[in-house]
Amino acid sequence: MTVVAVDTTAAELGLCAGMPLAEAQALVKGLVIRPAEPEADGAALQRLAGWCLRYAPLASADAPDGIRLDVTGCAHLYGGEMRLLHDLVDRMNAQGITARAAVADTPGAAHAVARFGNEVVSLVPCGETKAALASLPIEALRLPPNIIDDLRLLGFGCVAQLGATPRAPLTRRFGPLIATRLDQALGAAFEPIVPVFPPELVQARLSFVEPLLTAEAFATMITKLTHMVCAEQEQREQGARRLDLLFERVDGAVQYLRIGTARPSRDARHLAQLLQGKLERVDPGPGVEAMRLVVPIAEPLTYVQTAASLAGGDQKETDVSALVDRLENRLGAARVWRAAPVESDIPERSVRRIPALAPPTRTSWPTDPPRPVRLLNPPQPVEAIALLPDQPPITFTWRRVRHRVRRADGPERMAGEWWMHADESGSIRDYFQVEDEEGRRFWLFRRGNGEDPATGDLQWFLHGFF
């Protein structure tokens, strides 16, 4: 009878995993014990690995207490690798699971840094794997306890010492495992991730008698897979919000593509086009022997009545979701957005970015006086000549180019938002719409009312173009 795991209180009392149960009971009177359930723990780890598919299309359980994720090409969806790690650890903690996480070039290096590094969340920069592993103990290489004990007796304490030792004597004494673990950690040996897929996910898989190598063959298989997945989704009354396409290569490596949709969709043709548009990113290597399409995120999708009335009206709603999906998957979701108004008199604060298909906001755009179609943020200083206190500029110079004003309208006075920013108390801007001799129209403003120095320093700025 051996102690498998302890909680924080037991650890503070001197108990640890691997200790005989009789010794633990002798040290702590009234010790509360529970029988270990390895099979249940393994099943829970598999379910947790399936939950982690929200972060990457490749996730697998790393028994007895780890999970591997291949986040290549996915980190930007969460604002970078560090933000992804923090979000993952925070969500784990919210579920009562104490977690440590690391991103590295190889699964072996990430395993070592996550368990033996100094930080709860660690990021190993590309190309610095060897330096990151050098000071870690030899236990970080996932070696059996008997080999660890023998290496300790020989004086090995850290990975750098082991890596600097000739391989031949180590292999003769301990077998090839030490060299294999070193190569896996440093990237000299490939270590595949066998993905896990919860049974409740909608998915379809096609295997091939002969490996596929061409984009045309992949496109044909994608069409078949999307029809299979969409048929299953229709039965469940669901639509896909994210799809992962996995290419299982002959050499055991897995390539994958990920797409997202702005709205739930089960349009097989549309989804196939999104996936086919990313085929240039796939490296088939020696050939692809199977392809799998998985829907990790789906939402309810039922049939709804369109805008056309039952009496035979001709009204049609323009659905741009397909266009938004194509743009977001090609350019990135952060580059596809629309502008929404904000209740603010300060022009640079009166607009914000929202998702392209977000519902309309309650705030409406001002119609009078007119506003420029393009704002400069921040406004750029110009040199202007104007009569005080309220005359428009006669000329102004921007980027070393002098513009002579032919027509002007203004001023439109805007006061600072003193209730939000204390330093804007009493500040004033006077805006002018001006047109130069070549017909170009600009939006200029002067800080201050032209009379009271407390309202501004009389500096001129270019804020937009009509």
Protein backbone atom coordinates (compact mmCIF):
# COMPACT_ATOMS: atom_id res chain seq x y z
CA MET A 1 0.00 0.00 0.00
CA THR A 2 1.64 3.20 -1.22
CA VAL A 3 0.67 6.86 -1.17
CA VAL A 4 -0.13 7.94 -4.74
CA ALA A 5 -1.00 11.63 -4.17
CA VAL A 6 -1.35 14.09 -1.31
CA ASP A 7 -3.14 17.40 -0.87
CA THR A 8 -1.57 20.64 0.29
CA THR A 9 -2.24 20.03 3.98
CA ALA A 10 -0.72 16.57 3.88
CA ALA A 11 2.34 17.87 2.05
CA GLU A 12 2.84 20.48 4.76
CA LEU A 13 2.81 17.67 7.33
CA GLY A 14 5.66 15.90 5.56
CA LEU A 15 3.76 13.34 3.50
CA CYS A 16 4.63 12.76 -0.15
CA ALA A 17 3.79 10.48 -3.05
CA GLY A 18 5.63 7.15 -2.99
CA MET A 19 5.66 6.91 0.80
CA PRO A 20 4.41 3.63 2.32
CA LEU A 21 0.89 4.05 3.68
CA ALA A 22 1.83 2.60 7.09
CA GLU A 23 4.57 5.22 7.48
CA ALA A 24 2.16 8.02 6.52
CA GLN A 25 -0.42 6.83 9.06
CA ALA A 26 2.27 6.66 11.73
CA LEU A 27 3.33 10.25 11.04
CA VAL A 28 -0.20 11.72 11.00
CA LYS A 29 -2.76 10.44 13.46
CA GLY A 30 -6.26 10.16 12.01
CA LEU A 31 -5.04 10.47 8.42
CA VAL A 32 -7.92 10.48 5.94
CA ILE A 33 -7.20 8.16 3.02
CA ARG A 34 -9.05 7.33 -0.17
CA PRO A 35 -8.35 4.39 -2.49
CA ALA A 36 -6.60 5.34 -5.72
CA GLU A 37 -8.62 4.95 -8.95
CA PRO A 38 -6.12 4.96 -11.84
CA GLU A 39 -8.74 4.06 -14.45
CA ALA A 40 -11.06 6.86 -13.36
CA ASP A 41 -8.15 9.28 -13.27
CA GLY A 42 -7.17 8.25 -16.79
CA ALA A 43 -10.72 8.74 -18.06
CA ALA A 44 -10.88 12.17 -16.43
CA LEU A 45 -7.58 13.12 -18.05
CA GLN A 46 -8.94 12.07 -21.44
CA ARG A 47 -12.03 14.23 -20.91
CA LEU A 48 -9.85 17.16 -19.90
CA ALA A 49 -7.75 16.70 -23.05
CA GLY A 50 -10.95 16.81 -25.08
CA TRP A 51 -11.93 20.04 -23.34
CA CYS A 52 -8.56 21.52 -24.39
CA LEU A 53 -9.53 21.17 -28.06
CA ARG A 54 -10.87 24.72 -27.71
CA TYR A 55 -7.23 25.85 -27.84
CA ALA A 56 -5.79 23.62 -30.58
CA PRO A 57 -6.93 20.88 -32.96
CA LEU A 58 -4.30 18.46 -31.61
CA ALA A 59 -4.64 17.54 -27.95
CA SER A 60 -3.71 14.32 -26.19
CA ALA A 61 -3.48 13.02 -22.64
CA ASP A 62 0.08 12.67 -21.32
CA ALA A 63 -0.42 10.17 -18.48
CA PRO A 64 -0.44 10.28 -15.59
CA ASP A 65 -0.96 14.00 -15.08
CA GLY A 66 -0.32 15.96 -18.26
CA ILE A 67 -1.88 17.14 -21.49
CA ARG A 68 -0.10 17.92 -24.76
CA LEU A 69 -1.32 20.57 -27.18
CA ASP A 70 0.03 21.52 -30.58
CA VAL A 71 -0.80 25.24 -30.74
CA THR A 72 1.07 25.92 -33.98
CA GLY A 73 -0.88 28.58 -35.87
CA CYS A 74 -3.51 28.91 -33.12
CA ALA A 75 -1.90 31.23 -30.55
CA HIS A 76 -2.84 34.41 -32.44
CA LEU A 77 -6.51 33.65 -31.80
CA TYR A 78 -5.85 34.32 -28.11
CA GLY A 79 -3.49 37.26 -28.51
CA GLY A 80 -0.25 35.28 -28.46
CA GLU A 81 1.24 32.24 -26.77
CA MET A 82 1.57 33.78 -23.30
CA ARG A 83 -2.05 34.93 -23.27
CA LEU A 84 -3.13 31.46 -24.40
CA LEU A 85 -1.18 29.88 -21.54
CA HIS A 86 -2.58 32.28 -18.95
CA ASP A 87 -6.12 31.72 -20.20
CA LEU A 88 -5.62 27.94 -20.05
CA VAL A 89 -4.18 27.98 -16.53
CA ASP A 90 -6.82 30.42 -15.25
CA ARG A 91 -9.64 28.25 -16.59
CA MET A 92 -8.06 25.17 -15.02
CA ASN A 93 -7.78 26.94 -11.67
CA ALA A 94 -11.42 28.00 -11.91
CA GLN A 95 -12.32 24.30 -12.18
CA GLY A 96 -10.27 23.46 -9.08
CA ILE A 97 -7.33 22.04 -11.03
CA THR A 98 -3.83 23.24 -10.19
CA ALA A 99 -1.95 23.56 -13.46
CA ARG A 100 1.40 24.63 -14.88
CA ALA A 101 1.95 25.23 -18.58
CA ALA A 102 4.77 25.86 -21.03
CA VAL A 103 5.23 26.41 -24.75
CA ALA A 104 8.40 25.15 -26.43
CA ASP A 105 9.62 23.92 -29.81
CA THR A 106 9.17 20.23 -28.85
CA PRO A 107 6.76 18.25 -26.67
CA GLY A 108 9.67 16.97 -24.58
CA ALA A 109 10.96 20.47 -23.84
CA ALA A 110 7.47 21.74 -22.97
CA HIS A 111 6.99 18.75 -20.65
CA ALA A 112 10.28 19.49 -18.88
CA VAL A 113 9.82 23.26 -18.48
CA ALA A 114 6.19 22.96 -17.33
CA ARG A 115 7.08 20.51 -14.55
CA PHE A 116 10.55 21.65 -13.51
CA GLY A 117 10.72 25.31 -14.53
CA ASN A 118 10.61 28.19 -12.07
CA GLU A 119 7.40 29.79 -13.40
CA VAL A 120 3.81 28.60 -13.45
CA VAL A 121 3.55 29.79 -17.06
CA SER A 122 6.68 29.63 -19.23
CA LEU A 123 7.50 30.42 -22.84
CA VAL A 124 10.70 29.06 -24.40
CA PRO A 125 11.66 31.25 -27.41
CA CYS A 126 12.27 29.48 -30.70
CA GLY A 127 15.79 28.16 -30.99
CA GLU A 128 16.55 28.44 -27.25
CA THR A 129 15.43 24.97 -26.21
CA LYS A 130 18.91 23.73 -25.31
CA ALA A 131 19.60 26.72 -23.07
CA ALA A 132 16.21 26.37 -21.36
CA LEU A 133 16.81 22.68 -20.56
CA ALA A 134 20.43 23.01 -19.45
CA SER A 135 19.81 23.80 -15.77
CA LEU A 136 16.82 21.46 -15.28
CA PRO A 137 17.28 18.23 -13.29
CA ILE A 138 17.65 14.96 -15.14
CA GLU A 139 14.15 13.96 -14.01
CA ALA A 140 12.86 16.40 -16.64
CA LEU A 141 13.82 13.93 -19.40
CA ARG A 142 11.06 11.44 -18.50
CA LEU A 143 13.47 8.66 -17.57
CA PRO A 144 12.49 5.69 -15.36
CA PRO A 145 13.28 5.99 -11.61
CA ASN A 146 15.90 3.22 -11.70
CA ILE A 147 17.88 5.03 -14.42
CA ILE A 148 17.54 8.32 -12.53
CA ASP A 149 18.93 6.72 -9.36
CA ASP A 150 21.89 5.23 -11.22
CA LEU A 151 22.66 8.52 -12.97
CA ARG A 152 22.58 10.33 -9.63
CA LEU A 153 25.08 7.86 -8.23
CA LEU A 154 27.36 8.64 -11.18
CA GLY A 155 27.20 12.36 -10.39
CA PHE A 156 24.74 13.54 -13.03
CA GLY A 157 22.46 16.28 -11.70
CA CYS A 158 21.22 18.37 -14.63
CA VAL A 159 20.40 17.95 -18.30
CA ALA A 160 23.46 19.94 -19.44
CA GLN A 161 25.81 17.43 -17.78
CA LEU A 162 24.02 14.54 -19.40
CA GLY A 163 23.98 16.22 -22.81
CA ALA A 164 27.74 16.91 -22.68
CA THR A 165 28.57 13.24 -22.00
CA PRO A 166 29.44 10.96 -24.99
CA ARG A 167 26.41 8.91 -26.01
CA ALA A 168 28.18 5.58 -26.56
CA PRO A 169 29.09 4.81 -22.89
CA LEU A 170 25.62 5.85 -21.73
CA THR A 171 23.95 3.65 -24.35
CA ARG A 172 26.10 0.62 -23.45
CA ARG A 173 25.20 0.94 -19.79
CA PHE A 174 21.61 2.21 -19.83
CA GLY A 175 20.33 1.37 -23.30
CA PRO A 176 19.10 3.79 -26.01
CA LEU A 177 16.39 5.50 -23.90
CA ILE A 178 18.61 8.35 -22.63
CA ALA A 179 19.73 9.29 -26.14
CA THR A 180 16.15 9.07 -27.38
CA ARG A 181 14.82 11.38 -24.66
CA LEU A 182 17.59 13.91 -25.31
CA ASP A 183 16.89 13.88 -29.05
CA GLN A 184 13.15 14.25 -28.48
CA ALA A 185 13.62 17.18 -26.11
CA LEU A 186 16.04 18.97 -28.46
CA GLY A 187 14.06 18.28 -31.63
CA ALA A 188 16.50 15.83 -33.23
CA ALA A 189 13.89 13.03 -33.05
CA PHE A 190 10.24 13.42 -34.03
CA GLU A 191 7.67 12.78 -31.31
CA PRO A 192 4.09 12.62 -32.61
CA ILE A 193 1.01 13.72 -30.71
CA VAL A 194 -1.81 11.18 -30.92
CA PRO A 195 -4.93 13.37 -30.81
CA VAL A 196 -7.96 12.62 -28.67
CA PHE A 197 -11.50 13.33 -29.83
CA PRO A 198 -14.46 13.18 -27.45
CA PRO A 199 -17.17 10.90 -28.86
CA GLU A 200 -19.80 13.64 -28.64
CA LEU A 201 -18.00 15.80 -31.22
CA VAL A 202 -19.26 15.75 -34.79
CA GLN A 203 -16.48 14.33 -36.94
CA ALA A 204 -15.80 12.31 -40.09
CA ARG A 205 -12.73 10.39 -41.23
CA LEU A 206 -11.65 8.99 -44.60
CA SER A 207 -8.71 6.62 -45.06
CA PHE A 208 -7.07 5.92 -48.41
CA VAL A 209 -5.62 2.81 -50.03
CA GLU A 210 -2.87 4.89 -51.66
CA PRO A 211 -1.39 8.00 -49.96
CA LEU A 212 -2.58 11.32 -51.37
CA LEU A 213 -0.10 14.00 -52.41
CA THR A 214 -1.88 16.56 -54.60
CA ALA A 215 -4.05 19.55 -53.72
CA GLU A 216 -6.71 18.37 -56.19
CA ALA A 217 -7.08 15.07 -54.32
CA PHE A 218 -7.26 16.88 -50.99
CA ALA A 219 -9.96 19.24 -52.33
CA THR A 220 -12.09 16.28 -53.44
CA MET A 221 -11.81 14.62 -50.04
CA ILE A 222 -12.63 17.91 -48.28
CA THR A 223 -15.88 18.13 -50.24
CA LYS A 224 -16.85 14.61 -49.12
CA LEU A 225 -15.93 15.27 -45.49
CA THR A 226 -17.87 18.54 -45.26
CA HIS A 227 -21.01 16.86 -46.65
CA MET A 228 -20.66 14.05 -44.10
CA VAL A 229 -20.20 16.48 -41.21
CA CYS A 230 -23.02 18.81 -42.29
CA ALA A 231 -25.44 15.90 -42.61
CA GLU A 232 -24.72 14.92 -39.00
CA GLN A 233 -25.06 18.53 -37.86
CA GLU A 234 -28.45 18.85 -39.55
CA GLN A 235 -29.70 15.90 -37.53
CA ARG A 236 -28.48 17.58 -34.35
CA GLU A 237 -29.82 21.00 -35.44
CA GLN A 238 -26.35 22.50 -35.06
CA GLY A 239 -24.05 24.70 -37.07
CA ALA A 240 -20.25 24.77 -37.02
CA ARG A 241 -18.39 27.73 -35.55
CA ARG A 242 -14.96 26.10 -35.84
CA LEU A 243 -13.64 23.19 -37.89
CA ASP A 244 -10.33 21.34 -37.70
CA LEU A 245 -9.09 19.33 -40.67
CA LEU A 246 -6.33 16.83 -39.83
CA PHE A 247 -4.04 15.23 -42.43
CA GLU A 248 -2.59 11.97 -41.07
CA ARG A 249 0.69 11.38 -42.91
CA VAL A 250 2.36 8.07 -43.60
CA ASP A 251 5.31 8.95 -41.37
CA GLY A 252 3.06 9.47 -38.33
CA ALA A 253 3.08 13.28 -38.44
CA VAL A 254 -0.19 15.19 -38.46
CA GLN A 255 -0.80 18.39 -40.41
CA TYR A 256 -3.92 20.41 -39.71
CA LEU A 257 -5.97 23.38 -40.82
CA ARG A 258 -8.37 25.39 -38.66
CA ILE A 259 -11.16 27.66 -39.86
CA GLY A 260 -13.84 29.62 -38.03
CA THR A 261 -17.21 31.05 -39.00
CA ALA A 262 -18.82 34.29 -37.91
CA ARG A 263 -22.16 32.53 -37.48
CA PRO A 264 -23.15 28.87 -37.08
CA SER A 265 -23.06 27.22 -40.51
CA ARG A 266 -23.69 23.83 -42.05
CA ASP A 267 -23.38 24.92 -45.67
CA ALA A 268 -21.11 22.15 -46.96
CA ARG A 269 -20.07 24.07 -50.08
CA HIS A 270 -19.14 27.18 -48.12
CA LEU A 271 -17.19 25.27 -45.47
CA ALA A 272 -15.35 23.27 -48.13
CA GLN A 273 -14.29 26.49 -49.89
CA LEU A 274 -12.89 27.89 -46.63
CA LEU A 275 -10.82 24.76 -46.04
CA GLN A 276 -9.67 24.48 -49.65
CA GLY A 277 -8.48 28.08 -49.54
CA LYS A 278 -5.82 27.08 -46.97
CA LEU A 279 -4.46 23.97 -48.67
CA GLU A 280 -1.22 25.72 -49.61
CA ARG A 281 -0.26 25.56 -45.90
CA VAL A 282 -0.30 21.75 -45.85
CA ASP A 283 2.93 19.79 -46.28
CA PRO A 284 1.90 16.26 -47.36
CA GLY A 285 5.44 14.90 -46.87
CA PRO A 286 5.63 11.28 -48.00
CA GLY A 287 1.86 11.18 -48.40
CA VAL A 288 -1.42 11.45 -46.49
CA GLU A 289 -3.08 8.16 -45.62
CA ALA A 290 -6.18 9.56 -43.87
CA MET A 291 -8.06 12.83 -43.37
CA ARG A 292 -10.32 13.70 -40.45
CA LEU A 293 -12.70 16.66 -40.11
CA VAL A 294 -13.72 17.60 -36.57
CA VAL A 295 -16.19 20.24 -35.31
CA PRO A 296 -14.83 21.27 -31.87
CA ILE A 297 -17.23 24.22 -31.52
CA ALA A 298 -20.84 24.12 -32.66
CA GLU A 299 -23.95 26.13 -31.82
CA PRO A 300 -27.68 25.56 -32.27
CA LEU A 301 -28.91 26.29 -35.79
CA THR A 302 -32.52 25.83 -36.84
CA TYR A 303 -34.48 26.93 -39.87
CA VAL A 304 -36.04 30.40 -39.59
CA GLN A 305 -38.55 32.37 -41.63
CA THR A 306 -36.87 34.84 -43.99
CA ALA A 307 -37.86 38.48 -44.40
CA ALA A 308 -40.11 37.66 -47.34
CA SER A 309 -43.66 37.44 -46.13
CA LEU A 310 -45.80 34.36 -46.46
CA ALA A 311 -48.02 36.36 -48.82
CA GLY A 312 -45.30 36.32 -51.45
CA GLY A 313 -43.34 39.49 -50.71
CA ASP A 314 -40.19 40.24 -52.66
CA GLN A 315 -38.08 41.44 -49.73
CA LYS A 316 -34.69 39.79 -49.45
CA GLU A 317 -32.11 40.02 -46.73
CA THR A 318 -28.48 40.32 -47.76
CA ASP A 319 -26.44 37.70 -45.93
CA VAL A 320 -22.75 38.66 -45.89
CA SER A 321 -21.67 35.99 -43.38
CA ALA A 322 -20.05 33.90 -46.14
CA LEU A 323 -17.99 36.88 -47.27
CA VAL A 324 -16.99 37.67 -43.68
CA ASP A 325 -15.90 34.05 -43.14
CA ARG A 326 -13.68 34.11 -46.22
CA LEU A 327 -12.09 37.41 -45.26
CA GLU A 328 -11.49 36.41 -41.62
CA ASN A 329 -9.93 33.07 -42.52
CA ARG A 330 -7.67 34.65 -45.11
CA LEU A 331 -6.73 37.88 -43.32
CA GLY A 332 -7.35 37.05 -39.66
CA ALA A 333 -10.33 37.87 -37.48
CA ALA A 334 -8.61 40.96 -36.03
CA ARG A 335 -8.48 42.58 -39.48
CA VAL A 336 -12.16 42.23 -40.31
CA TRP A 337 -14.41 44.55 -38.32
CA ARG A 338 -16.88 47.37 -38.61
CA ALA A 339 -17.08 50.69 -36.87
CA ALA A 340 -19.70 51.44 -34.24
CA PRO A 341 -20.55 54.84 -32.75
CA VAL A 342 -19.79 55.75 -29.15
CA GLU A 343 -21.48 58.52 -27.19
CA SER A 344 -18.61 61.01 -27.03
CA ASP A 345 -18.04 64.52 -28.36
CA ILE A 346 -14.32 63.90 -28.83
CA PRO A 347 -13.98 62.52 -32.39
CA GLU A 348 -11.24 59.95 -31.68
CA ARG A 349 -13.36 58.54 -28.85
CA SER A 350 -16.63 58.48 -30.77
CA VAL A 351 -15.92 55.26 -32.67
CA ARG A 352 -14.89 51.72 -31.77
CA ARG A 353 -14.27 48.44 -33.56
CA ILE A 354 -16.76 45.60 -33.21
CA PRO A 355 -17.04 42.20 -34.92
CA ALA A 356 -18.23 42.41 -38.49
CA LEU A 357 -21.52 40.61 -37.79
CA ALA A 358 -22.19 42.02 -34.31
CA PRO A 359 -25.79 43.18 -33.73
CA PRO A 360 -26.52 46.89 -34.27
CA THR A 361 -25.72 49.22 -31.40
CA ARG A 362 -28.22 51.59 -29.83
CA THR A 363 -26.08 54.65 -30.45
CA SER A 364 -26.53 56.23 -33.90
CA TRP A 365 -24.05 58.18 -36.01
CA PRO A 366 -24.31 62.00 -35.92
CA THR A 367 -25.61 63.47 -39.18
CA ASP A 368 -25.09 67.18 -38.58
CA PRO A 369 -22.56 68.63 -38.87
CA PRO A 370 -20.86 66.18 -41.29
CA ARG A 371 -17.88 64.14 -40.18
CA PRO A 372 -14.87 63.01 -42.25
CA VAL A 373 -14.73 59.46 -43.55
CA ARG A 374 -11.16 59.04 -42.30
CA LEU A 375 -9.72 60.13 -38.97
CA LEU A 376 -6.07 60.39 -38.03
CA ASN A 377 -5.24 58.91 -34.66
CA PRO A 378 -3.51 60.72 -33.13
CA PRO A 379 -4.19 64.07 -34.86
CA GLN A 380 -1.08 65.36 -36.65
CA PRO A 381 0.28 68.84 -35.94
CA VAL A 382 0.34 71.41 -38.75
CA GLU A 383 1.60 74.95 -39.11
CA ALA A 384 -1.28 77.32 -39.89
CA ILE A 385 -1.83 81.06 -40.36
CA ALA A 386 -5.21 82.36 -39.15
CA LEU A 387 -6.75 85.46 -37.59
CA LEU A 388 -7.81 85.13 -33.98
CA PRO A 389 -10.13 84.42 -32.33
CA ASP A 390 -12.44 82.53 -34.72
CA GLN A 391 -11.24 82.84 -38.33
CA PRO A 392 -10.33 79.77 -40.40
CA PRO A 393 -6.72 79.29 -41.49
CA ILE A 394 -5.55 81.02 -44.66
CA THR A 395 -2.80 78.47 -45.28
CA PHE A 396 -1.46 75.43 -43.46
CA THR A 397 1.58 73.20 -43.91
CA TRP A 398 1.37 69.45 -43.38
CA ARG A 399 4.29 67.09 -44.02
CA ARG A 400 6.29 69.93 -45.60
CA VAL A 401 3.53 70.59 -48.16
CA ARG A 402 1.80 73.99 -48.07
CA HIS A 403 -1.94 74.12 -48.71
CA ARG A 404 -3.69 77.41 -49.53
CA VAL A 405 -7.29 77.44 -48.27
CA ARG A 406 -9.93 78.40 -50.83
CA ARG A 407 -13.10 77.68 -48.86
CA ALA A 408 -13.77 77.08 -45.16
CA ASP A 409 -16.62 76.45 -42.75
CA GLY A 410 -16.51 76.78 -38.96
CA PRO A 411 -15.71 76.99 -36.21
CA GLU A 412 -17.43 74.05 -34.52
CA ARG A 413 -16.53 74.22 -30.87
CA MET A 414 -16.00 71.06 -28.76
CA ALA A 415 -15.28 71.10 -25.04
CA GLY A 416 -13.19 68.51 -23.20
CA GLU A 417 -14.85 65.68 -21.30
CA TRP A 418 -13.97 66.91 -17.83
CA TRP A 419 -16.22 64.33 -16.17
CA MET A 420 -14.00 61.53 -17.59
CA HIS A 421 -10.58 63.20 -17.73
CA ALA A 422 -9.69 65.81 -15.12
CA ASP A 423 -6.94 67.33 -17.30
CA GLU A 424 -9.56 68.32 -19.92
CA SER A 425 -11.40 70.66 -17.59
CA GLY A 426 -11.77 73.96 -19.47
CA SER A 427 -10.08 72.70 -22.66
CA ILE A 428 -11.62 73.67 -26.01
CA ARG A 429 -11.19 72.67 -29.63
CA ASP A 430 -12.36 74.78 -32.60
CA TYR A 431 -12.87 72.63 -35.72
CA PHE A 432 -12.89 73.92 -39.34
CA GLN A 433 -13.78 72.22 -42.60
CA VAL A 434 -11.42 73.59 -45.24
CA GLU A 435 -10.85 73.04 -48.96
CA ASP A 436 -7.56 73.83 -50.66
CA GLU A 437 -7.01 75.15 -54.19
CA GLU A 438 -6.83 71.60 -55.60
CA GLY A 439 -10.22 70.63 -54.17
CA ARG A 440 -8.97 68.45 -51.31
CA ARG A 441 -10.97 68.78 -48.11
CA PHE A 442 -9.50 68.58 -44.62
CA TRP A 443 -10.72 68.71 -41.04
CA LEU A 444 -8.55 70.97 -38.89
CA PHE A 445 -8.82 72.09 -35.31
CA ARG A 446 -7.14 74.60 -33.04
CA ARG A 447 -6.62 74.00 -29.33
CA GLY A 448 -8.10 76.88 -27.41
CA ASN A 449 -10.77 79.52 -28.11
CA GLY A 450 -8.24 82.08 -29.34
CA GLU A 451 -8.68 84.37 -26.34
CA ASP A 452 -8.16 82.54 -23.05
CA PRO A 453 -4.77 80.75 -22.77
CA ALA A 454 -6.27 78.37 -20.19
CA THR A 455 -8.42 76.77 -22.89
CA GLY A 456 -5.48 75.70 -25.09
CA ASP A 457 -2.08 76.55 -26.54
CA LEU A 458 -3.44 77.62 -30.00
CA GLN A 459 -1.63 74.73 -31.72
CA TRP A 460 -3.25 73.55 -34.99
CA PHE A 461 -3.84 69.88 -35.90
CA LEU A 462 -5.08 67.91 -38.90
CA HIS A 463 -7.66 65.38 -37.72
CA GLY A 464 -9.28 63.91 -40.84
CA PHE A 465 -10.14 63.94 -44.56
CA PHE A 466 -13.51 64.36 -46.27
